[in-house]
């Protein structure tokens, strides 16, 4: 469901464990976001958008424009 999360993570040459640690959570919990098994809480979406310097809309697949509007 959230394939962009995986793509962005891989573009940074990071694994799920590293991103999960940055978010203060387990790798298993983070993995469930990438697969769409669990919905991503708003606070986590904000952290991920800031970390990847992209918009939440891009993360959620609502736009193909990764530009973050500040």
Protein backbone atom coordinates (compact mmCIF):
# COMPACT_ATOMS: atom_id res chain seq x y z
CA UNK A 1 0.00 0.00 0.00
CA UNK A 2 2.68 2.48 1.00
CA UNK A 3 5.27 1.50 -1.60
CA UNK A 4 6.65 5.03 -1.60
CA UNK A 5 7.83 4.54 1.97
CA UNK A 6 9.91 1.58 0.87
CA UNK A 7 11.21 3.40 -2.20
CA UNK A 8 12.21 6.48 -0.21
CA UNK A 9 13.87 4.33 2.45
CA UNK A 10 15.81 2.37 -0.15
CA UNK A 11 16.85 5.60 -1.90
CA UNK A 12 18.55 6.57 1.37
CA UNK A 13 20.21 3.14 1.55
CA UNK A 14 18.49 2.43 4.84
CA UNK A 15 16.85 -0.70 6.16
CA UNK A 16 13.60 -0.94 8.09
CA UNK A 17 15.43 -1.30 11.40
CA UNK A 18 17.24 2.01 10.90
CA UNK A 19 14.07 3.91 10.02
CA UNK A 20 12.19 2.28 12.89
CA UNK A 21 14.93 3.33 15.32
CA UNK A 22 14.73 6.91 14.04
CA UNK A 23 10.97 6.80 14.70
CA UNK A 24 11.42 5.21 18.14
CA UNK A 25 9.59 2.01 17.29
CA UNK A 26 10.20 -1.64 16.42
CA UNK A 27 11.16 -2.87 12.97
CA UNK A 28 8.05 -5.07 12.96
CA UNK A 29 5.80 -2.11 13.66
CA UNK A 30 7.40 -0.07 10.93
CA UNK A 31 7.20 -2.97 8.47
CA UNK A 32 3.42 -3.03 8.94
CA UNK A 33 3.28 0.57 7.72
CA UNK A 34 5.17 -0.26 4.53
CA UNK A 35 2.92 -3.23 3.78
CA UNK A 36 -0.28 -1.36 4.64
CA UNK A 37 -1.16 -3.81 7.39
CA UNK A 38 -1.41 -0.87 9.83
CA UNK A 39 -2.45 2.69 9.12
CA UNK A 40 0.24 5.27 9.78
CA UNK A 41 -0.54 7.66 12.66
CA UNK A 42 -0.42 11.35 11.83
CA UNK A 43 2.59 12.01 14.07
CA UNK A 44 4.58 9.31 12.25
CA UNK A 45 3.52 10.66 8.84
CA UNK A 46 4.81 14.09 9.84
CA UNK A 47 8.15 12.65 10.99
CA UNK A 48 8.54 10.63 7.80
CA UNK A 49 7.66 13.58 5.55
CA UNK A 50 10.22 15.75 7.33
CA UNK A 51 12.85 13.00 7.29
CA UNK A 52 12.42 12.37 3.56
CA UNK A 53 11.82 16.08 2.82
CA UNK A 54 8.58 15.36 0.98
CA UNK A 55 4.88 15.98 1.46
CA UNK A 56 2.45 13.79 3.34
CA UNK A 57 0.29 13.77 0.21
CA UNK A 58 3.19 12.22 -1.69
CA UNK A 59 3.71 9.57 1.00
CA UNK A 60 0.01 8.67 0.83
CA UNK A 61 -0.04 8.54 -2.97
CA UNK A 62 -2.37 11.53 -3.34
CA UNK A 63 0.10 13.30 -5.63
CA UNK A 64 3.04 12.35 -7.79
CA UNK A 65 4.84 15.59 -6.89
CA UNK A 66 7.27 14.84 -4.06
CA UNK A 67 7.91 18.55 -3.43
CA UNK A 68 7.30 19.60 0.14
CA UNK A 69 5.48 22.90 0.53
CA UNK A 70 6.72 24.89 3.49
